[in-house]
Amino acid sequence: MSYAFARNATRPLRAWAALMPVFGAALAMAAIGAAAATPAATVDLNISKFAFVPKEVTIAPGTTIVWINRDETPHTVTSNNKSFASKGLDTGDKFEHTFASEGDFNYTCTIHPFMTAVVHVRKQ
């Protein structure tokens, strides 16, 4: 066997070996991209002019709602079934809750009971 033949016979193997890091990096990036493609959703709701805005919202399970008090008066966010309850929220304060299961969650401001709203949690 000549030296030239042996040297040429390994070229395809070297080409594949050179490409292996490229394929490995592509697979790793695809895995990272798949994990990052499904972040948990966050929805901001406002408390403004003595009202929850919007008054009704529909979200998917796993979504976090962040209520932000835009009024100069303290408010609370308290579910009727007591599954979540904030402390008194001053101007600019936030309260968040993650809704894990489906259902309808009515809530109110305990300081101002006329302030009511509902979160509908549905698989989408």
N, C-alpha and C. Protein backbone atom coordinates (compact mmCIF):
# COMPACT_ATOMS: atom_id res chain seq x y z
N MET A 1 0.85 -1.16 0.00
CA MET A 1 0.00 0.00 0.00
C MET A 1 0.89 1.22 0.00
N SER A 2 0.57 2.16 -0.86
CA SER A 2 1.43 3.33 -0.95
C SER A 2 1.03 4.34 0.11
N TYR A 3 1.96 5.19 0.43
CA TYR A 3 1.73 6.25 1.41
C TYR A 3 0.65 7.21 0.94
N ALA A 4 0.62 7.54 -0.36
CA ALA A 4 -0.36 8.48 -0.91
C ALA A 4 -1.77 7.93 -0.73
N PHE A 5 -1.97 6.63 -0.95
CA PHE A 5 -3.29 6.04 -0.79
C PHE A 5 -3.73 6.12 0.68
N ALA A 6 -2.86 5.78 1.59
CA ALA A 6 -3.20 5.79 3.02
C ALA A 6 -3.53 7.21 3.47
N ARG A 7 -2.79 8.17 3.00
CA ARG A 7 -3.03 9.56 3.38
C ARG A 7 -4.38 10.03 2.85
N ASN A 8 -4.73 9.69 1.61
CA ASN A 8 -6.00 10.10 1.02
C ASN A 8 -7.18 9.35 1.64
N ALA A 9 -6.99 8.15 2.12
CA ALA A 9 -8.07 7.36 2.70
C ALA A 9 -8.59 7.98 3.99
N THR A 10 -7.78 8.73 4.70
CA THR A 10 -8.23 9.32 5.97
C THR A 10 -8.88 10.68 5.80
N ARG A 11 -8.84 11.25 4.62
CA ARG A 11 -9.43 12.58 4.42
C ARG A 11 -10.92 12.64 4.77
N PRO A 12 -11.75 11.69 4.31
CA PRO A 12 -13.16 11.77 4.69
C PRO A 12 -13.37 11.71 6.21
N LEU A 13 -12.60 10.91 6.89
CA LEU A 13 -12.72 10.83 8.34
C LEU A 13 -12.34 12.14 8.99
N ARG A 14 -11.28 12.76 8.52
CA ARG A 14 -10.87 14.05 9.08
C ARG A 14 -11.93 15.11 8.82
N ALA A 15 -12.57 15.07 7.67
CA ALA A 15 -13.61 16.05 7.36
C ALA A 15 -14.78 15.90 8.34
N TRP A 16 -15.21 14.66 8.58
CA TRP A 16 -16.29 14.43 9.55
C TRP A 16 -15.86 14.84 10.95
N ALA A 17 -14.65 14.53 11.32
CA ALA A 17 -14.16 14.90 12.65
C ALA A 17 -14.14 16.41 12.82
N ALA A 18 -13.83 17.12 11.77
CA ALA A 18 -13.80 18.58 11.84
C ALA A 18 -15.21 19.15 11.98
N LEU A 19 -16.21 18.46 11.45
CA LEU A 19 -17.58 18.95 11.51
C LEU A 19 -18.30 18.58 12.81
N MET A 20 -17.79 17.63 13.55
CA MET A 20 -18.46 17.18 14.78
C MET A 20 -18.71 18.32 15.77
N PRO A 21 -17.75 19.20 16.04
CA PRO A 21 -18.05 20.30 16.97
C PRO A 21 -19.17 21.21 16.46
N VAL A 22 -19.25 21.38 15.14
CA VAL A 22 -20.31 22.21 14.56
C VAL A 22 -21.67 21.57 14.81
N PHE A 23 -21.78 20.25 14.55
CA PHE A 23 -23.04 19.55 14.79
C PHE A 23 -23.39 19.56 16.28
N GLY A 24 -22.40 19.37 17.12
CA GLY A 24 -22.64 19.38 18.57
C GLY A 24 -23.15 20.73 19.03
N ALA A 25 -22.57 21.80 18.53
CA ALA A 25 -23.01 23.15 18.91
C ALA A 25 -24.43 23.41 18.41
N ALA A 26 -24.74 22.95 17.21
CA ALA A 26 -26.09 23.14 16.67
C ALA A 26 -27.12 22.40 17.51
N LEU A 27 -26.81 21.18 17.91
CA LEU A 27 -27.74 20.42 18.76
C LEU A 27 -27.92 21.10 20.11
N ALA A 28 -26.85 21.58 20.69
CA ALA A 28 -26.95 22.25 22.00
C ALA A 28 -27.79 23.52 21.89
N MET A 29 -27.60 24.28 20.82
CA MET A 29 -28.38 25.51 20.65
C MET A 29 -29.85 25.19 20.44
N ALA A 30 -30.15 24.11 19.72
CA ALA A 30 -31.54 23.72 19.51
C ALA A 30 -32.19 23.33 20.84
N ALA A 31 -31.46 22.62 21.68
CA ALA A 31 -32.00 22.23 22.99
C ALA A 31 -32.24 23.44 23.86
N ILE A 32 -31.32 24.38 23.86
CA ILE A 32 -31.49 25.60 24.66
C ILE A 32 -32.65 26.41 24.11
N GLY A 33 -32.76 26.51 22.80
CA GLY A 33 -33.86 27.25 22.19
C GLY A 33 -35.20 26.65 22.51
N ALA A 34 -35.30 25.32 22.55
CA ALA A 34 -36.56 24.67 22.88
C ALA A 34 -36.95 24.95 24.31
N ALA A 35 -35.99 24.95 25.21
CA ALA A 35 -36.30 25.23 26.61
C ALA A 35 -36.70 26.68 26.79
N ALA A 36 -36.08 27.58 26.06
CA ALA A 36 -36.38 29.00 26.21
C ALA A 36 -37.64 29.41 25.45
N ALA A 37 -38.14 28.56 24.58
CA ALA A 37 -39.29 28.93 23.76
C ALA A 37 -40.60 28.90 24.53
N THR A 38 -40.62 28.30 25.71
CA THR A 38 -41.87 28.20 26.45
C THR A 38 -41.76 28.83 27.83
N PRO A 39 -41.42 30.12 27.88
CA PRO A 39 -41.35 30.75 29.20
C PRO A 39 -42.75 30.94 29.76
N ALA A 40 -42.84 30.99 31.07
CA ALA A 40 -44.13 31.24 31.71
C ALA A 40 -44.57 32.66 31.38
N ALA A 41 -45.85 32.81 31.09
CA ALA A 41 -46.38 34.12 30.73
C ALA A 41 -46.62 34.97 31.97
N THR A 42 -46.48 36.27 31.81
CA THR A 42 -46.79 37.23 32.87
C THR A 42 -47.71 38.29 32.27
N VAL A 43 -48.77 38.61 33.00
CA VAL A 43 -49.74 39.61 32.56
C VAL A 43 -49.82 40.69 33.62
N ASP A 44 -49.66 41.95 33.22
CA ASP A 44 -49.80 43.07 34.16
C ASP A 44 -51.23 43.59 34.11
N LEU A 45 -51.83 43.76 35.30
CA LEU A 45 -53.15 44.38 35.43
C LEU A 45 -53.00 45.60 36.31
N ASN A 46 -53.77 46.63 36.03
CA ASN A 46 -53.69 47.87 36.79
C ASN A 46 -54.85 48.01 37.76
N ILE A 47 -54.58 48.71 38.84
CA ILE A 47 -55.62 49.18 39.74
C ILE A 47 -55.61 50.69 39.56
N SER A 48 -56.70 51.20 38.97
CA SER A 48 -56.73 52.61 38.60
C SER A 48 -58.14 53.16 38.72
N LYS A 49 -58.27 54.34 39.31
CA LYS A 49 -59.56 55.02 39.45
C LYS A 49 -60.58 54.12 40.13
N PHE A 50 -60.12 53.46 41.20
CA PHE A 50 -60.97 52.58 42.00
C PHE A 50 -61.58 51.45 41.18
N ALA A 51 -60.76 50.87 40.28
CA ALA A 51 -61.22 49.74 39.47
C ALA A 51 -60.03 48.85 39.12
N PHE A 52 -60.30 47.56 38.94
CA PHE A 52 -59.31 46.63 38.39
C PHE A 52 -59.43 46.71 36.87
N VAL A 53 -58.30 46.93 36.20
CA VAL A 53 -58.32 47.13 34.75
C VAL A 53 -57.39 46.12 34.09
N PRO A 54 -57.93 45.24 33.24
CA PRO A 54 -59.34 45.09 32.90
C PRO A 54 -60.10 44.36 34.02
N LYS A 55 -61.40 44.47 33.96
CA LYS A 55 -62.26 43.87 34.98
C LYS A 55 -62.32 42.35 34.83
N GLU A 56 -62.06 41.85 33.62
CA GLU A 56 -62.13 40.42 33.34
C GLU A 56 -60.98 40.06 32.40
N VAL A 57 -60.30 38.94 32.69
CA VAL A 57 -59.19 38.50 31.86
C VAL A 57 -59.20 36.98 31.79
N THR A 58 -58.80 36.44 30.63
CA THR A 58 -58.68 34.99 30.45
C THR A 58 -57.22 34.67 30.17
N ILE A 59 -56.67 33.71 30.94
CA ILE A 59 -55.26 33.34 30.83
C ILE A 59 -55.14 31.82 30.80
N ALA A 60 -53.95 31.33 30.48
CA ALA A 60 -53.65 29.90 30.50
C ALA A 60 -53.09 29.51 31.86
N PRO A 61 -53.26 28.24 32.26
CA PRO A 61 -52.64 27.79 33.51
C PRO A 61 -51.13 28.04 33.48
N GLY A 62 -50.57 28.41 34.61
CA GLY A 62 -49.15 28.70 34.71
C GLY A 62 -48.82 30.17 34.52
N THR A 63 -49.81 30.96 34.15
CA THR A 63 -49.60 32.40 33.94
C THR A 63 -49.57 33.12 35.27
N THR A 64 -48.68 34.09 35.38
CA THR A 64 -48.60 34.94 36.57
C THR A 64 -49.23 36.28 36.24
N ILE A 65 -50.11 36.72 37.12
CA ILE A 65 -50.68 38.06 36.99
C ILE A 65 -50.00 38.96 38.01
N VAL A 66 -49.61 40.14 37.56
CA VAL A 66 -49.02 41.16 38.43
C VAL A 66 -49.99 42.33 38.46
N TRP A 67 -50.54 42.60 39.64
CA TRP A 67 -51.40 43.77 39.82
C TRP A 67 -50.54 44.93 40.28
N ILE A 68 -50.74 46.10 39.69
CA ILE A 68 -49.98 47.30 40.03
C ILE A 68 -50.96 48.38 40.45
N ASN A 69 -50.79 48.91 41.67
CA ASN A 69 -51.68 49.96 42.15
C ASN A 69 -51.25 51.30 41.57
N ARG A 70 -52.07 51.86 40.69
CA ARG A 70 -51.79 53.16 40.06
C ARG A 70 -52.54 54.29 40.78
N ASP A 71 -53.38 53.93 41.75
CA ASP A 71 -54.13 54.94 42.51
C ASP A 71 -53.28 55.50 43.63
N GLU A 72 -53.71 56.64 44.15
CA GLU A 72 -53.04 57.22 45.31
C GLU A 72 -53.69 56.74 46.61
N THR A 73 -54.59 55.79 46.49
CA THR A 73 -55.29 55.20 47.63
C THR A 73 -54.87 53.75 47.76
N PRO A 74 -54.68 53.23 48.97
CA PRO A 74 -54.34 51.81 49.12
C PRO A 74 -55.49 50.91 48.65
N HIS A 75 -55.12 49.75 48.13
CA HIS A 75 -56.08 48.73 47.70
C HIS A 75 -55.52 47.36 48.06
N THR A 76 -56.39 46.35 48.02
CA THR A 76 -55.96 44.96 48.16
C THR A 76 -56.45 44.18 46.95
N VAL A 77 -55.87 42.99 46.77
CA VAL A 77 -56.32 42.04 45.75
C VAL A 77 -56.57 40.74 46.52
N THR A 78 -57.84 40.38 46.71
CA THR A 78 -58.18 39.22 47.54
C THR A 78 -59.22 38.37 46.82
N SER A 79 -58.88 37.09 46.61
CA SER A 79 -59.83 36.20 45.94
C SER A 79 -60.98 35.88 46.88
N ASN A 80 -62.14 35.67 46.29
CA ASN A 80 -63.32 35.34 47.10
C ASN A 80 -63.15 34.02 47.84
N ASN A 81 -62.39 33.07 47.24
CA ASN A 81 -62.19 31.78 47.90
C ASN A 81 -60.91 31.74 48.74
N LYS A 82 -60.28 32.91 48.92
CA LYS A 82 -59.08 33.08 49.76
C LYS A 82 -57.86 32.31 49.24
N SER A 83 -57.84 31.97 47.93
CA SER A 83 -56.66 31.28 47.38
C SER A 83 -55.49 32.23 47.17
N PHE A 84 -55.74 33.53 47.14
CA PHE A 84 -54.67 34.52 47.13
C PHE A 84 -55.17 35.80 47.77
N ALA A 85 -54.26 36.51 48.39
CA ALA A 85 -54.61 37.77 49.06
C ALA A 85 -53.35 38.61 49.21
N SER A 86 -53.46 39.86 48.84
CA SER A 86 -52.34 40.78 48.99
C SER A 86 -52.45 41.50 50.32
N LYS A 87 -51.37 42.12 50.69
CA LYS A 87 -51.41 43.10 51.79
C LYS A 87 -51.97 44.38 51.18
N GLY A 88 -52.12 45.41 51.97
CA GLY A 88 -52.52 46.70 51.42
C GLY A 88 -51.45 47.20 50.46
N LEU A 89 -51.85 47.57 49.26
CA LEU A 89 -50.91 48.04 48.24
C LEU A 89 -50.98 49.55 48.15
N ASP A 90 -49.86 50.21 48.45
CA ASP A 90 -49.78 51.65 48.28
C ASP A 90 -49.49 51.98 46.82
N THR A 91 -49.48 53.25 46.48
CA THR A 91 -49.22 53.68 45.11
C THR A 91 -47.91 53.07 44.60
N GLY A 92 -47.99 52.42 43.44
CA GLY A 92 -46.80 51.81 42.83
C GLY A 92 -46.48 50.42 43.32
N ASP A 93 -47.12 49.97 44.40
CA ASP A 93 -46.87 48.62 44.90
C ASP A 93 -47.44 47.59 43.94
N LYS A 94 -46.83 46.39 43.96
CA LYS A 94 -47.25 45.29 43.09
C LYS A 94 -47.57 44.06 43.93
N PHE A 95 -48.46 43.25 43.41
CA PHE A 95 -48.77 41.95 43.98
C PHE A 95 -48.88 40.97 42.82
N GLU A 96 -48.31 39.78 42.99
CA GLU A 96 -48.39 38.80 41.91
C GLU A 96 -48.87 37.46 42.43
N HIS A 97 -49.54 36.74 41.54
CA HIS A 97 -50.02 35.40 41.85
C HIS A 97 -49.96 34.58 40.57
N THR A 98 -49.49 33.33 40.69
CA THR A 98 -49.44 32.41 39.56
C THR A 98 -50.63 31.46 39.65
N PHE A 99 -51.37 31.36 38.57
CA PHE A 99 -52.56 30.52 38.51
C PHE A 99 -52.19 29.17 37.91
N ALA A 100 -52.14 28.15 38.76
CA ALA A 100 -51.69 26.82 38.34
C ALA A 100 -52.81 25.99 37.72
N SER A 101 -54.04 26.18 38.17
CA SER A 101 -55.12 25.32 37.71
C SER A 101 -56.22 26.13 37.04
N GLU A 102 -57.02 25.41 36.25
CA GLU A 102 -58.14 26.05 35.56
C GLU A 102 -59.23 26.42 36.55
N GLY A 103 -60.02 27.41 36.17
CA GLY A 103 -61.14 27.82 36.99
C GLY A 103 -61.43 29.30 36.82
N ASP A 104 -62.45 29.75 37.54
CA ASP A 104 -62.82 31.16 37.56
C ASP A 104 -62.49 31.69 38.95
N PHE A 105 -61.72 32.76 39.00
CA PHE A 105 -61.25 33.31 40.27
C PHE A 105 -61.76 34.74 40.41
N ASN A 106 -62.84 34.89 41.16
CA ASN A 106 -63.39 36.21 41.45
C ASN A 106 -62.56 36.82 42.57
N TYR A 107 -62.31 38.12 42.47
CA TYR A 107 -61.54 38.79 43.51
C TYR A 107 -62.07 40.20 43.74
N THR A 108 -61.65 40.77 44.85
CA THR A 108 -62.15 42.08 45.26
C THR A 108 -61.07 42.84 46.01
N CYS A 109 -61.30 44.11 46.20
CA CYS A 109 -60.48 44.92 47.11
C CYS A 109 -61.22 44.92 48.44
N THR A 110 -60.60 44.42 49.49
CA THR A 110 -61.30 44.34 50.78
C THR A 110 -61.50 45.71 51.40
N ILE A 111 -60.73 46.69 50.99
CA ILE A 111 -60.89 48.06 51.49
C ILE A 111 -62.08 48.73 50.80
N HIS A 112 -62.27 48.41 49.53
CA HIS A 112 -63.34 48.99 48.71
C HIS A 112 -64.11 47.84 48.06
N PRO A 113 -65.05 47.22 48.78
CA PRO A 113 -65.72 46.00 48.29
C PRO A 113 -66.48 46.15 46.97
N PHE A 114 -66.75 47.37 46.53
CA PHE A 114 -67.41 47.56 45.24
C PHE A 114 -66.46 47.29 44.08
N MET A 115 -65.15 47.19 44.37
CA MET A 115 -64.16 46.88 43.33
C MET A 115 -64.07 45.37 43.19
N THR A 116 -64.57 44.84 42.08
CA THR A 116 -64.55 43.40 41.84
C THR A 116 -64.05 43.13 40.43
N ALA A 117 -63.55 41.91 40.24
CA ALA A 117 -63.08 41.48 38.92
C ALA A 117 -62.97 39.96 38.92
N VAL A 118 -62.61 39.40 37.77
CA VAL A 118 -62.50 37.94 37.67
C VAL A 118 -61.36 37.56 36.72
N VAL A 119 -60.68 36.47 37.09
CA VAL A 119 -59.65 35.85 36.24
C VAL A 119 -60.20 34.50 35.81
N HIS A 120 -60.29 34.26 34.50
CA HIS A 120 -60.68 32.96 33.95
C HIS A 120 -59.40 32.25 33.53
N VAL A 121 -59.18 31.06 34.04
CA VAL A 121 -57.99 30.28 33.68
C VAL A 121 -58.46 29.09 32.86
N ARG A 122 -58.02 29.04 31.60
CA ARG A 122 -58.44 28.00 30.65
C ARG A 122 -57.23 27.52 29.86
N LYS A 123 -57.20 26.21 29.56
CA LYS A 123 -56.18 25.70 28.65
C LYS A 123 -56.45 26.30 27.28
N GLN A 124 -55.38 26.73 26.61
CA GLN A 124 -55.58 27.41 25.33
C GLN A 124 -54.96 26.65 24.20
